[in-house]
Amino acid sequence: MALLDLFVKSDEEGKDALDSQDPIVIPTSPSNGVIPTPTHVPINGTETQEYVSKFREALRSTNTIGMKFIEILYKLSPDPKPEDYAKAVSLLQIMDTSATAETISASLSDAKDMILKSKNDYIQQGNQKLESLLSNCDGEKKTLEREITDTQAKITSLEDQLNQCKSILSNKQAELTKIDGKYQPSLDQTTATIAAVTSAADETISSLEQMMQGLKY
């Protein structure tokens, strides 16, 4: 995805293509360690683009010197060259005398850190949901397994109730076989969302790093 797509993508009317989405909120609370994102569920491209848009809107809402620089840069060219970076800095200095390559780069670095923190917080929340789903699934399976074991013991010790116990066993086994199917859609969706958030954040961070690199010319 081009840098322009990350920060100034618009439709023919000039309205942002994903403006209807709720804006992402950059968290301010500290994050704990992040569990690696599962990769067995394919990334949902549409959901990734939605999160790219939310990350973009979150950056725009900060209205920092770095975001002002990006706006000027892409007004100069949709595919900025090294000389465009210097020109954008000069134009920004007309409006803000504190603007220098160093202060802009620092602002973009802060934006990168915000996106990275937001990414980690999203992944942490997603992993917590995954852990909860897996714990509930495992708990129900173990409960049913214990009930099956108890029922099998009854069959052995109570010959006169053999037919009734076999019926209970059959029903419990049927319930057990449905547990994975019951939780799998939620597990897949949550894992796909984590992957989409990761992909969107990585795209945004990569673009910010590219612009930071461009400022070094």
N, C-alpha and C. Protein backbone atom coordinates (compact mmCIF):
# COMPACT_ATOMS: atom_id res chain seq x y z
N MET A 1 0.84 -1.19 0.00
CA MET A 1 0.00 0.00 0.00
C MET A 1 0.88 1.24 0.00
N ALA A 2 0.55 2.22 -0.83
CA ALA A 2 1.32 3.45 -0.91
C ALA A 2 1.10 4.32 0.31
N LEU A 3 2.06 5.21 0.57
CA LEU A 3 1.92 6.13 1.71
C LEU A 3 0.67 6.99 1.58
N LEU A 4 0.38 7.41 0.35
CA LEU A 4 -0.79 8.25 0.15
C LEU A 4 -2.06 7.53 0.58
N ASP A 5 -2.12 6.22 0.32
CA ASP A 5 -3.30 5.45 0.72
C ASP A 5 -3.46 5.43 2.24
N LEU A 6 -2.36 5.47 2.97
CA LEU A 6 -2.44 5.40 4.43
C LEU A 6 -2.94 6.68 5.06
N PHE A 7 -2.65 7.83 4.43
CA PHE A 7 -2.92 9.08 5.12
C PHE A 7 -3.91 10.01 4.42
N VAL A 8 -4.03 9.94 3.10
CA VAL A 8 -4.93 10.88 2.43
C VAL A 8 -5.80 10.19 1.39
N LYS A 9 -6.10 8.89 1.58
CA LYS A 9 -6.95 8.17 0.65
C LYS A 9 -8.36 8.73 0.69
N SER A 10 -8.92 9.05 -0.48
CA SER A 10 -10.27 9.60 -0.54
C SER A 10 -10.96 9.11 -1.80
N ASP A 11 -12.32 9.23 -1.80
CA ASP A 11 -13.07 8.84 -2.98
C ASP A 11 -13.24 10.06 -3.89
N GLU A 12 -14.06 9.95 -4.93
CA GLU A 12 -14.18 11.00 -5.93
C GLU A 12 -14.73 12.30 -5.34
N GLU A 13 -15.50 12.22 -4.29
CA GLU A 13 -16.06 13.42 -3.67
C GLU A 13 -15.09 14.03 -2.66
N GLY A 14 -13.94 13.39 -2.48
CA GLY A 14 -12.97 13.94 -1.52
C GLY A 14 -13.25 13.54 -0.09
N LYS A 15 -14.23 12.65 0.13
CA LYS A 15 -14.52 12.20 1.48
C LYS A 15 -13.72 10.94 1.73
N ASP A 16 -13.25 10.80 2.96
CA ASP A 16 -12.49 9.62 3.28
C ASP A 16 -13.36 8.38 3.10
N ALA A 17 -12.78 7.34 2.44
CA ALA A 17 -13.57 6.17 2.08
C ALA A 17 -14.09 5.41 3.28
N LEU A 18 -13.45 5.56 4.44
CA LEU A 18 -13.88 4.82 5.63
C LEU A 18 -14.27 5.75 6.77
N ASP A 19 -14.71 6.97 6.42
CA ASP A 19 -15.08 7.94 7.46
C ASP A 19 -16.23 7.45 8.32
N SER A 20 -17.03 6.52 7.77
CA SER A 20 -18.20 6.05 8.52
C SER A 20 -17.80 5.15 9.67
N GLN A 21 -16.55 4.67 9.67
CA GLN A 21 -16.10 3.80 10.74
C GLN A 21 -15.85 4.61 12.01
N ASP A 22 -16.07 3.98 13.17
CA ASP A 22 -15.76 4.66 14.43
C ASP A 22 -14.26 4.89 14.52
N PRO A 23 -13.82 6.08 14.93
CA PRO A 23 -12.38 6.34 15.02
C PRO A 23 -11.76 5.51 16.11
N ILE A 24 -10.52 5.10 15.86
CA ILE A 24 -9.80 4.34 16.87
C ILE A 24 -9.32 5.31 17.95
N VAL A 25 -9.27 4.87 19.19
CA VAL A 25 -8.82 5.71 20.29
C VAL A 25 -7.43 5.24 20.68
N ILE A 26 -6.45 6.16 20.67
CA ILE A 26 -5.10 5.80 21.07
C ILE A 26 -5.09 5.63 22.58
N PRO A 27 -4.82 4.41 23.10
CA PRO A 27 -4.85 4.19 24.54
C PRO A 27 -3.75 4.97 25.24
N THR A 28 -4.02 5.29 26.52
CA THR A 28 -3.02 6.02 27.30
C THR A 28 -2.52 5.19 28.47
N SER A 29 -3.15 4.04 28.73
CA SER A 29 -2.72 3.20 29.84
C SER A 29 -1.60 2.29 29.38
N PRO A 30 -0.70 1.87 30.29
CA PRO A 30 0.44 1.03 29.90
C PRO A 30 0.00 -0.35 29.48
N SER A 31 0.75 -0.97 28.54
CA SER A 31 0.47 -2.32 28.06
C SER A 31 1.35 -3.33 28.77
N ASN A 32 0.83 -4.53 28.93
CA ASN A 32 1.64 -5.62 29.45
C ASN A 32 2.25 -6.36 28.28
N GLY A 33 2.90 -7.50 28.55
CA GLY A 33 3.50 -8.28 27.47
C GLY A 33 2.45 -8.76 26.50
N VAL A 34 2.84 -8.90 25.25
CA VAL A 34 1.91 -9.29 24.20
C VAL A 34 2.19 -10.72 23.76
N ILE A 35 1.17 -11.54 23.74
CA ILE A 35 1.29 -12.92 23.29
C ILE A 35 1.39 -12.92 21.77
N PRO A 36 2.28 -13.72 21.17
CA PRO A 36 2.38 -13.75 19.70
C PRO A 36 1.04 -14.05 19.05
N THR A 37 0.77 -13.38 17.95
CA THR A 37 -0.50 -13.54 17.25
C THR A 37 -0.56 -14.87 16.51
N PRO A 38 -1.64 -15.67 16.71
CA PRO A 38 -1.77 -16.90 15.94
C PRO A 38 -1.85 -16.58 14.45
N THR A 39 -1.31 -17.50 13.62
CA THR A 39 -1.25 -17.21 12.19
C THR A 39 -2.01 -18.24 11.35
N HIS A 40 -2.71 -19.17 11.98
CA HIS A 40 -3.35 -20.24 11.19
C HIS A 40 -4.64 -19.77 10.53
N VAL A 41 -5.17 -18.61 10.93
CA VAL A 41 -6.39 -18.07 10.31
C VAL A 41 -5.98 -16.99 9.31
N PRO A 42 -6.44 -17.08 8.04
CA PRO A 42 -6.05 -16.07 7.03
C PRO A 42 -6.45 -14.66 7.45
N ILE A 43 -5.61 -13.69 7.08
CA ILE A 43 -5.90 -12.28 7.37
C ILE A 43 -7.06 -11.82 6.50
N ASN A 44 -8.01 -11.13 7.12
CA ASN A 44 -9.15 -10.57 6.40
C ASN A 44 -8.74 -9.22 5.83
N GLY A 45 -8.59 -9.15 4.49
CA GLY A 45 -8.13 -7.91 3.86
C GLY A 45 -9.05 -6.73 4.12
N THR A 46 -10.34 -6.95 4.08
CA THR A 46 -11.30 -5.87 4.31
C THR A 46 -11.17 -5.33 5.73
N GLU A 47 -11.07 -6.22 6.68
CA GLU A 47 -10.94 -5.80 8.08
C GLU A 47 -9.62 -5.07 8.29
N THR A 48 -8.57 -5.55 7.62
CA THR A 48 -7.28 -4.86 7.71
C THR A 48 -7.40 -3.42 7.25
N GLN A 49 -8.07 -3.21 6.12
CA GLN A 49 -8.23 -1.85 5.60
C GLN A 49 -9.04 -0.98 6.55
N GLU A 50 -10.01 -1.57 7.22
CA GLU A 50 -10.80 -0.80 8.18
C GLU A 50 -9.90 -0.32 9.32
N TYR A 51 -9.01 -1.19 9.79
CA TYR A 51 -8.12 -0.79 10.87
C TYR A 51 -7.06 0.19 10.39
N VAL A 52 -6.60 0.05 9.13
CA VAL A 52 -5.69 1.04 8.56
C VAL A 52 -6.34 2.41 8.61
N SER A 53 -7.63 2.46 8.23
CA SER A 53 -8.36 3.74 8.25
C SER A 53 -8.47 4.28 9.67
N LYS A 54 -8.73 3.41 10.62
CA LYS A 54 -8.87 3.86 12.02
C LYS A 54 -7.53 4.37 12.56
N PHE A 55 -6.45 3.67 12.23
CA PHE A 55 -5.14 4.16 12.65
C PHE A 55 -4.85 5.51 12.01
N ARG A 56 -5.21 5.65 10.74
CA ARG A 56 -4.97 6.91 10.03
C ARG A 56 -5.75 8.05 10.67
N GLU A 57 -7.02 7.80 11.00
CA GLU A 57 -7.85 8.84 11.62
C GLU A 57 -7.33 9.20 13.01
N ALA A 58 -6.81 8.20 13.73
CA ALA A 58 -6.25 8.47 15.05
C ALA A 58 -5.04 9.38 14.93
N LEU A 59 -4.22 9.15 13.93
CA LEU A 59 -3.05 10.01 13.73
C LEU A 59 -3.48 11.41 13.34
N ARG A 60 -4.46 11.51 12.44
CA ARG A 60 -4.95 12.83 12.03
C ARG A 60 -5.47 13.62 13.22
N SER A 61 -6.14 12.94 14.12
CA SER A 61 -6.78 13.64 15.24
C SER A 61 -5.76 14.26 16.19
N THR A 62 -4.50 13.79 16.15
CA THR A 62 -3.49 14.36 17.04
C THR A 62 -3.09 15.76 16.59
N ASN A 63 -3.24 16.05 15.29
CA ASN A 63 -2.93 17.39 14.74
C ASN A 63 -1.53 17.86 15.13
N THR A 64 -0.58 16.95 15.10
CA THR A 64 0.79 17.28 15.47
C THR A 64 1.54 17.87 14.27
N ILE A 65 2.74 18.33 14.54
CA ILE A 65 3.56 18.90 13.48
C ILE A 65 3.90 17.84 12.43
N GLY A 66 4.02 16.60 12.88
CA GLY A 66 4.28 15.51 11.94
C GLY A 66 3.12 15.27 10.99
N MET A 67 1.89 15.33 11.52
CA MET A 67 0.73 15.13 10.67
C MET A 67 0.55 16.30 9.70
N LYS A 68 0.87 17.51 10.15
CA LYS A 68 0.81 18.67 9.25
C LYS A 68 1.82 18.52 8.13
N PHE A 69 2.99 17.99 8.47
CA PHE A 69 4.02 17.77 7.45
C PHE A 69 3.53 16.77 6.41
N ILE A 70 2.90 15.68 6.87
CA ILE A 70 2.39 14.66 5.94
C ILE A 70 1.37 15.27 4.98
N GLU A 71 0.49 16.09 5.51
CA GLU A 71 -0.54 16.72 4.68
C GLU A 71 0.10 17.59 3.59
N ILE A 72 1.08 18.39 3.97
CA ILE A 72 1.76 19.24 3.00
C ILE A 72 2.53 18.39 1.99
N LEU A 73 3.21 17.38 2.46
CA LEU A 73 4.02 16.54 1.60
C LEU A 73 3.20 15.92 0.48
N TYR A 74 2.01 15.42 0.82
CA TYR A 74 1.21 14.76 -0.20
C TYR A 74 0.41 15.72 -1.06
N LYS A 75 0.33 16.95 -0.62
CA LYS A 75 -0.23 17.97 -1.51
C LYS A 75 0.80 18.33 -2.58
N LEU A 76 2.06 18.17 -2.25
CA LEU A 76 3.12 18.44 -3.21
C LEU A 76 3.21 17.32 -4.26
N SER A 77 3.08 16.09 -3.82
CA SER A 77 3.20 14.96 -4.74
C SER A 77 2.63 13.70 -4.11
N PRO A 78 1.88 12.89 -4.89
CA PRO A 78 1.38 11.63 -4.35
C PRO A 78 2.49 10.58 -4.19
N ASP A 79 3.62 10.85 -4.82
CA ASP A 79 4.77 9.95 -4.71
C ASP A 79 6.01 10.80 -4.42
N PRO A 80 6.16 11.24 -3.17
CA PRO A 80 7.20 12.21 -2.82
C PRO A 80 8.61 11.76 -3.17
N LYS A 81 9.39 12.72 -3.67
CA LYS A 81 10.81 12.52 -3.95
C LYS A 81 11.60 13.21 -2.83
N PRO A 82 12.91 12.94 -2.75
CA PRO A 82 13.71 13.57 -1.69
C PRO A 82 13.56 15.08 -1.63
N GLU A 83 13.52 15.73 -2.81
CA GLU A 83 13.40 17.18 -2.80
C GLU A 83 12.04 17.66 -2.27
N ASP A 84 11.02 16.80 -2.39
CA ASP A 84 9.69 17.16 -1.88
C ASP A 84 9.70 17.24 -0.35
N TYR A 85 10.49 16.39 0.27
CA TYR A 85 10.57 16.42 1.73
C TYR A 85 11.11 17.76 2.22
N ALA A 86 12.21 18.21 1.57
CA ALA A 86 12.80 19.48 1.97
C ALA A 86 11.84 20.64 1.71
N LYS A 87 11.13 20.58 0.59
CA LYS A 87 10.19 21.64 0.27
C LYS A 87 9.03 21.67 1.26
N ALA A 88 8.56 20.47 1.63
CA ALA A 88 7.46 20.39 2.60
C ALA A 88 7.88 20.97 3.95
N VAL A 89 9.12 20.71 4.34
CA VAL A 89 9.62 21.27 5.60
C VAL A 89 9.64 22.80 5.52
N SER A 90 10.10 23.32 4.38
CA SER A 90 10.16 24.78 4.22
C SER A 90 8.78 25.40 4.27
N LEU A 91 7.81 24.77 3.60
CA LEU A 91 6.45 25.30 3.61
C LEU A 91 5.85 25.26 5.02
N LEU A 92 6.13 24.19 5.75
CA LEU A 92 5.59 24.07 7.10
C LEU A 92 6.21 25.12 8.02
N GLN A 93 7.47 25.44 7.78
CA GLN A 93 8.14 26.45 8.61
C GLN A 93 7.50 27.83 8.48
N ILE A 94 6.84 28.08 7.32
CA ILE A 94 6.15 29.35 7.13
C ILE A 94 4.99 29.47 8.14
N MET A 95 4.34 28.33 8.39
CA MET A 95 3.21 28.31 9.32
C MET A 95 3.63 28.07 10.76
N ASP A 96 4.75 27.37 10.92
CA ASP A 96 5.20 27.00 12.26
C ASP A 96 6.72 27.09 12.30
N THR A 97 7.24 28.10 12.94
CA THR A 97 8.68 28.34 12.95
C THR A 97 9.44 27.26 13.72
N SER A 98 8.74 26.47 14.50
CA SER A 98 9.42 25.41 15.25
C SER A 98 9.65 24.16 14.39
N ALA A 99 9.14 24.17 13.17
CA ALA A 99 9.24 23.00 12.31
C ALA A 99 10.65 22.86 11.74
N THR A 100 11.27 21.76 12.02
CA THR A 100 12.56 21.39 11.44
C THR A 100 12.50 19.91 11.11
N ALA A 101 13.47 19.44 10.33
CA ALA A 101 13.50 18.02 10.02
C ALA A 101 13.55 17.20 11.30
N GLU A 102 14.28 17.71 12.30
CA GLU A 102 14.41 16.98 13.55
C GLU A 102 13.10 16.94 14.33
N THR A 103 12.41 18.10 14.44
CA THR A 103 11.16 18.11 15.22
C THR A 103 10.07 17.31 14.51
N ILE A 104 10.08 17.36 13.16
CA ILE A 104 9.09 16.58 12.41
C ILE A 104 9.36 15.09 12.58
N SER A 105 10.64 14.71 12.46
CA SER A 105 10.99 13.31 12.63
C SER A 105 10.63 12.82 14.02
N ALA A 106 10.86 13.65 15.02
CA ALA A 106 10.50 13.27 16.39
C ALA A 106 8.99 13.10 16.53
N SER A 107 8.23 13.97 15.86
CA SER A 107 6.77 13.87 15.90
C SER A 107 6.30 12.58 15.24
N LEU A 108 6.91 12.24 14.09
CA LEU A 108 6.55 11.00 13.41
C LEU A 108 6.95 9.79 14.24
N SER A 109 8.06 9.90 14.95
CA SER A 109 8.48 8.81 15.83
C SER A 109 7.46 8.61 16.95
N ASP A 110 6.94 9.73 17.50
CA ASP A 110 5.89 9.63 18.53
C ASP A 110 4.65 8.97 17.96
N ALA A 111 4.32 9.32 16.70
CA ALA A 111 3.14 8.71 16.06
C ALA A 111 3.35 7.21 15.89
N LYS A 112 4.56 6.84 15.50
CA LYS A 112 4.88 5.42 15.37
C LYS A 112 4.70 4.71 16.72
N ASP A 113 5.19 5.33 17.79
CA ASP A 113 5.07 4.73 19.11
C ASP A 113 3.60 4.58 19.53
N MET A 114 2.77 5.59 19.18
CA MET A 114 1.35 5.51 19.51
C MET A 114 0.69 4.33 18.79
N ILE A 115 1.01 4.17 17.50
CA ILE A 115 0.42 3.07 16.74
C ILE A 115 0.90 1.74 17.30
N LEU A 116 2.18 1.64 17.63
CA LEU A 116 2.71 0.40 18.18
C LEU A 116 2.03 0.06 19.50
N LYS A 117 1.83 1.07 20.36
CA LYS A 117 1.16 0.83 21.64
C LYS A 117 -0.29 0.40 21.42
N SER A 118 -0.95 1.07 20.48
CA SER A 118 -2.33 0.71 20.18
C SER A 118 -2.41 -0.72 19.65
N LYS A 119 -1.47 -1.06 18.78
CA LYS A 119 -1.41 -2.43 18.26
C LYS A 119 -1.27 -3.43 19.39
N ASN A 120 -0.31 -3.17 20.30
CA ASN A 120 -0.08 -4.10 21.41
C ASN A 120 -1.29 -4.22 22.33
N ASP A 121 -1.98 -3.09 22.57
CA ASP A 121 -3.17 -3.12 23.42
C ASP A 121 -4.29 -3.93 22.75
N TYR A 122 -4.46 -3.73 21.43
CA TYR A 122 -5.47 -4.50 20.70
C TYR A 122 -5.16 -5.99 20.79
N ILE A 123 -3.90 -6.34 20.57
CA ILE A 123 -3.52 -7.75 20.59
C ILE A 123 -3.70 -8.33 21.98
N GLN A 124 -3.35 -7.54 22.99
CA GLN A 124 -3.52 -8.02 24.37
C GLN A 124 -4.99 -8.31 24.66
N GLN A 125 -5.87 -7.39 24.25
CA GLN A 125 -7.30 -7.60 24.46
C GLN A 125 -7.79 -8.82 23.70
N GLY A 126 -7.31 -8.96 22.46
CA GLY A 126 -7.72 -10.11 21.66
C GLY A 126 -7.24 -11.42 22.26
N ASN A 127 -6.01 -11.43 22.75
CA ASN A 127 -5.48 -12.65 23.36
C ASN A 127 -6.23 -13.00 24.64
N GLN A 128 -6.64 -11.97 25.38
CA GLN A 128 -7.43 -12.22 26.59
C GLN A 128 -8.77 -12.88 26.22
N LYS A 129 -9.36 -12.39 25.12
CA LYS A 129 -10.63 -12.99 24.68
C LYS A 129 -10.41 -14.42 24.21
N LEU A 130 -9.30 -14.64 23.47
CA LEU A 130 -8.99 -16.00 23.03
C LEU A 130 -8.80 -16.94 24.23
N GLU A 131 -8.06 -16.47 25.22
CA GLU A 131 -7.82 -17.29 26.41
C GLU A 131 -9.12 -17.62 27.12
N SER A 132 -10.03 -16.64 27.18
CA SER A 132 -11.32 -16.86 27.83
C SER A 132 -12.14 -17.89 27.06
N LEU A 133 -12.16 -17.75 25.73
CA LEU A 133 -12.91 -18.69 24.90
C LEU A 133 -12.34 -20.10 25.04
N LEU A 134 -11.02 -20.20 24.98
CA LEU A 134 -10.38 -21.52 25.09
C LEU A 134 -10.59 -22.13 26.47
N SER A 135 -10.56 -21.28 27.50
CA SER A 135 -10.77 -21.78 28.86
C SER A 135 -12.19 -22.31 29.03
N ASN A 136 -13.17 -21.55 28.50
CA ASN A 136 -14.56 -22.00 28.59
C ASN A 136 -14.77 -23.30 27.83
N CYS A 137 -14.17 -23.36 26.64
CA CYS A 137 -14.30 -24.56 25.82
C CYS A 137 -13.69 -25.76 26.54
N ASP A 138 -12.48 -25.58 27.07
CA ASP A 138 -11.79 -26.67 27.76
C ASP A 138 -12.56 -27.10 29.01
N GLY A 139 -13.12 -26.10 29.73
CA GLY A 139 -13.87 -26.42 30.94
C GLY A 139 -15.10 -27.27 30.64
N GLU A 140 -15.84 -26.89 29.59
CA GLU A 140 -17.03 -27.66 29.22
C GLU A 140 -16.66 -29.06 28.76
N LYS A 141 -15.56 -29.15 27.98
CA LYS A 141 -15.15 -30.47 27.51
C LYS A 141 -14.76 -31.38 28.68
N LYS A 142 -14.01 -30.81 29.65
CA LYS A 142 -13.60 -31.62 30.79
C LYS A 142 -14.80 -32.05 31.64
N THR A 143 -15.77 -31.13 31.77
CA THR A 143 -16.98 -31.48 32.51
C THR A 143 -17.71 -32.65 31.86
N LEU A 144 -17.85 -32.55 30.54
CA LEU A 144 -18.53 -33.62 29.81
C LEU A 144 -17.72 -34.92 29.87
N GLU A 145 -16.41 -34.81 29.79
CA GLU A 145 -15.57 -36.01 29.86
C GLU A 145 -15.72 -36.70 31.22
N ARG A 146 -15.79 -35.87 32.28
CA ARG A 146 -15.99 -36.46 33.62
C ARG A 146 -17.35 -37.15 33.72
N GLU A 147 -18.36 -36.50 33.14
CA GLU A 147 -19.69 -37.09 33.17
C GLU A 147 -19.73 -38.40 32.40
N ILE A 148 -19.00 -38.43 31.29
CA ILE A 148 -18.94 -39.67 30.50
C ILE A 148 -18.28 -40.78 31.31
N THR A 149 -17.17 -40.41 31.99
CA THR A 149 -16.47 -41.41 32.82
C THR A 149 -17.37 -41.95 33.93
N ASP A 150 -18.10 -41.04 34.59
CA ASP A 150 -19.01 -41.46 35.66
C ASP A 150 -20.11 -42.37 35.12
N THR A 151 -20.60 -41.99 33.95
CA THR A 151 -21.67 -42.79 33.36
C THR A 151 -21.18 -44.19 32.97
N GLN A 152 -19.96 -44.25 32.45
CA GLN A 152 -19.41 -45.57 32.11
C GLN A 152 -19.25 -46.44 33.35
N ALA A 153 -18.87 -45.81 34.48
CA ALA A 153 -18.74 -46.58 35.73
C ALA A 153 -20.09 -47.13 36.18
N LYS A 154 -21.14 -46.32 35.99
CA LYS A 154 -22.47 -46.77 36.37
C LYS A 154 -22.90 -47.97 35.53
N ILE A 155 -22.54 -47.93 34.26
CA ILE A 155 -22.91 -49.05 33.37
C ILE A 155 -22.29 -50.34 33.86
N THR A 156 -21.02 -50.22 34.31
CA THR A 156 -20.31 -51.41 34.80
C THR A 156 -20.93 -51.95 36.09
N SER A 157 -21.28 -51.06 37.01
CA SER A 157 -21.75 -51.48 38.33
C SER A 157 -23.26 -51.72 38.42
N LEU A 158 -24.02 -51.16 37.49
CA LEU A 158 -25.49 -51.28 37.58
C LEU A 158 -26.02 -51.94 36.31
N GLU A 159 -25.99 -53.23 36.30
CA GLU A 159 -26.41 -53.99 35.12
C GLU A 159 -27.88 -53.74 34.79
N ASP A 160 -28.70 -53.59 35.82
CA ASP A 160 -30.13 -53.42 35.58
C ASP A 160 -30.47 -52.06 34.97
N GLN A 161 -29.50 -51.10 35.02
CA GLN A 161 -29.73 -49.78 34.43
C GLN A 161 -28.89 -49.60 33.15
N LEU A 162 -28.46 -50.70 32.59
CA LEU A 162 -27.55 -50.65 31.45
C LEU A 162 -28.11 -49.85 30.28
N ASN A 163 -29.32 -50.09 29.89
CA ASN A 163 -29.88 -49.41 28.73
C ASN A 163 -30.00 -47.89 28.96
N GLN A 164 -30.45 -47.54 30.16
CA GLN A 164 -30.58 -46.12 30.48
C GLN A 164 -29.22 -45.41 30.48
N CYS A 165 -28.21 -46.06 31.06
CA CYS A 165 -26.88 -45.47 31.12
C CYS A 165 -26.27 -45.33 29.72
N LYS A 166 -26.53 -46.30 28.86
CA LYS A 166 -26.02 -46.21 27.49
C LYS A 166 -26.62 -45.02 26.75
N SER A 167 -27.89 -44.74 27.03
CA SER A 167 -28.54 -43.59 26.40
C SER A 167 -27.91 -42.28 26.88
N ILE A 168 -27.65 -42.19 28.19
CA ILE A 168 -27.00 -40.99 28.74
C ILE A 168 -25.61 -40.81 28.13
N LEU A 169 -24.88 -41.90 28.02
CA LEU A 169 -23.53 -41.85 27.46
C LEU A 169 -23.56 -41.34 26.02
N SER A 170 -24.51 -41.86 25.27
CA SER A 170 -24.62 -41.45 23.86
C SER A 170 -24.90 -39.95 23.74
N ASN A 171 -25.80 -39.46 24.59
CA ASN A 171 -26.14 -38.03 24.54
C ASN A 171 -24.96 -37.14 24.93
N LYS A 172 -24.24 -37.55 25.97
CA LYS A 172 -23.10 -36.75 26.41
C LYS A 172 -22.00 -36.73 25.34
N GLN A 173 -21.80 -37.87 24.69
CA GLN A 173 -20.79 -37.92 23.63
C GLN A 173 -21.18 -37.02 22.45
N ALA A 174 -22.49 -36.99 22.18
CA ALA A 174 -22.96 -36.12 21.10
C ALA A 174 -22.71 -34.66 21.44
N GLU A 175 -22.94 -34.30 22.72
CA GLU A 175 -22.68 -32.92 23.14
C GLU A 175 -21.20 -32.58 23.03
N LEU A 176 -20.37 -33.56 23.40
CA LEU A 176 -18.93 -33.34 23.37
C LEU A 176 -18.44 -33.05 21.95
N THR A 177 -18.98 -33.77 20.99
CA THR A 177 -18.53 -33.58 19.60
C THR A 177 -18.92 -32.21 19.05
N LYS A 178 -19.91 -31.55 19.69
CA LYS A 178 -20.35 -30.24 19.21
C LYS A 178 -19.59 -29.07 19.84
N ILE A 179 -18.79 -29.35 20.85
CA ILE A 179 -18.13 -28.26 21.57
C ILE A 179 -17.18 -27.48 20.66
N ASP A 180 -16.34 -28.21 19.93
CA ASP A 180 -15.39 -27.51 19.05
C ASP A 180 -16.12 -26.67 18.02
N GLY A 181 -17.18 -27.21 17.44
CA GLY A 181 -17.96 -26.46 16.45
C GLY A 181 -18.63 -25.24 17.05
N LYS A 182 -18.98 -25.32 18.32
CA LYS A 182 -19.64 -24.21 19.00
C LYS A 182 -18.69 -23.03 19.17
N TYR A 183 -17.43 -23.30 19.51
CA TYR A 183 -16.47 -22.23 19.79
C TYR A 183 -15.62 -21.83 18.59
N GLN A 184 -15.52 -22.72 17.58
CA GLN A 184 -14.58 -22.45 16.49
C GLN A 184 -14.85 -21.14 15.74
N PRO A 185 -16.10 -20.79 15.42
CA PRO A 185 -16.31 -19.51 14.71
C PRO A 185 -15.81 -18.31 15.50
N SER A 186 -16.08 -18.28 16.81
CA SER A 186 -15.60 -17.16 17.62
C SER A 186 -14.09 -17.14 17.71
N LEU A 187 -13.50 -18.33 17.85
CA LEU A 187 -12.04 -18.41 17.88
C LEU A 187 -11.43 -17.91 16.58
N ASP A 188 -12.00 -18.34 15.46
CA ASP A 188 -11.48 -17.93 14.15
C ASP A 188 -11.63 -16.43 13.94
N GLN A 189 -12.79 -15.87 14.31
CA GLN A 189 -13.03 -14.44 14.09
C GLN A 189 -12.09 -13.59 14.95
N THR A 190 -11.93 -13.99 16.22
CA THR A 190 -11.04 -13.23 17.10
C THR A 190 -9.60 -13.30 16.61
N THR A 191 -9.17 -14.49 16.18
CA THR A 191 -7.80 -14.64 15.67
C THR A 191 -7.61 -13.83 14.41
N ALA A 192 -8.64 -13.83 13.52
CA ALA A 192 -8.54 -13.05 12.29
C ALA A 192 -8.47 -11.56 12.58
N THR A 193 -9.22 -11.09 13.58
CA THR A 193 -9.17 -9.67 13.94
C THR A 193 -7.80 -9.28 14.47
N ILE A 194 -7.21 -10.13 15.32
CA ILE A 194 -5.86 -9.87 15.81
C ILE A 194 -4.88 -9.75 14.65
N ALA A 195 -5.00 -10.71 13.68
CA ALA A 195 -4.10 -10.68 12.53
C ALA A 195 -4.31 -9.43 11.71
N ALA A 196 -5.59 -9.00 11.58
CA ALA A 196 -5.89 -7.80 10.78
C ALA A 196 -5.33 -6.55 11.45
N VAL A 197 -5.49 -6.45 12.80
CA VAL A 197 -4.95 -5.30 13.53
C VAL A 197 -3.43 -5.25 13.40
N THR A 198 -2.79 -6.43 13.52
CA THR A 198 -1.34 -6.50 13.39
C THR A 198 -0.88 -6.03 12.02
N SER A 199 -1.58 -6.53 10.97
CA SER A 199 -1.21 -6.14 9.60
C SER A 199 -1.40 -4.65 9.37
N ALA A 200 -2.53 -4.10 9.87
CA ALA A 200 -2.80 -2.68 9.67
C ALA A 200 -1.77 -1.81 10.39
N ALA A 201 -1.46 -2.17 11.63
CA ALA A 201 -0.48 -1.39 12.39
C ALA A 201 0.90 -1.47 11.74
N ASP A 202 1.27 -2.68 11.28
CA ASP A 202 2.58 -2.83 10.64
C ASP A 202 2.67 -2.01 9.36
N GLU A 203 1.57 -1.96 8.58
CA GLU A 203 1.56 -1.14 7.38
C GLU A 203 1.77 0.33 7.73
N THR A 204 1.04 0.78 8.73
CA THR A 204 1.13 2.19 9.12
C THR A 204 2.52 2.53 9.65
N ILE A 205 3.05 1.67 10.49
CA ILE A 205 4.38 1.90 11.05
C ILE A 205 5.43 1.91 9.94
N SER A 206 5.31 0.99 8.98
CA SER A 206 6.25 0.95 7.87
C SER A 206 6.22 2.24 7.07
N SER A 207 5.03 2.79 6.88
CA SER A 207 4.92 4.04 6.14
C SER A 207 5.54 5.19 6.91
N LEU A 208 5.30 5.23 8.22
CA LEU A 208 5.90 6.28 9.04
C LEU A 208 7.43 6.19 9.01
N GLU A 209 7.94 4.97 9.07
CA GLU A 209 9.39 4.80 9.02
C GLU A 209 9.94 5.26 7.68
N GLN A 210 9.19 5.00 6.59
CA GLN A 210 9.63 5.42 5.27
C GLN A 210 9.73 6.95 5.20
N MET A 211 8.73 7.63 5.76
CA MET A 211 8.76 9.09 5.74
C MET A 211 9.89 9.63 6.62
N MET A 212 10.12 8.98 7.77
CA MET A 212 11.23 9.37 8.63
C MET A 212 12.56 9.22 7.90
N GLN A 213 12.67 8.15 7.11
CA GLN A 213 13.89 7.92 6.34
C GLN A 213 14.05 9.00 5.28
N GLY A 214 12.89 9.40 4.69
CA GLY A 214 12.94 10.42 3.66
C GLY A 214 13.41 11.75 4.21
N LEU A 215 13.14 12.02 5.45
CA LEU A 215 13.57 13.28 6.05
C LEU A 215 15.07 13.36 6.27
N LYS A 216 15.74 12.25 6.15
CA LYS A 216 17.19 12.25 6.35
C LYS A 216 17.93 12.73 5.11
N TYR A 217 17.21 12.78 3.97
CA TYR A 217 17.91 13.20 2.73
C TYR A 217 18.20 14.70 2.76
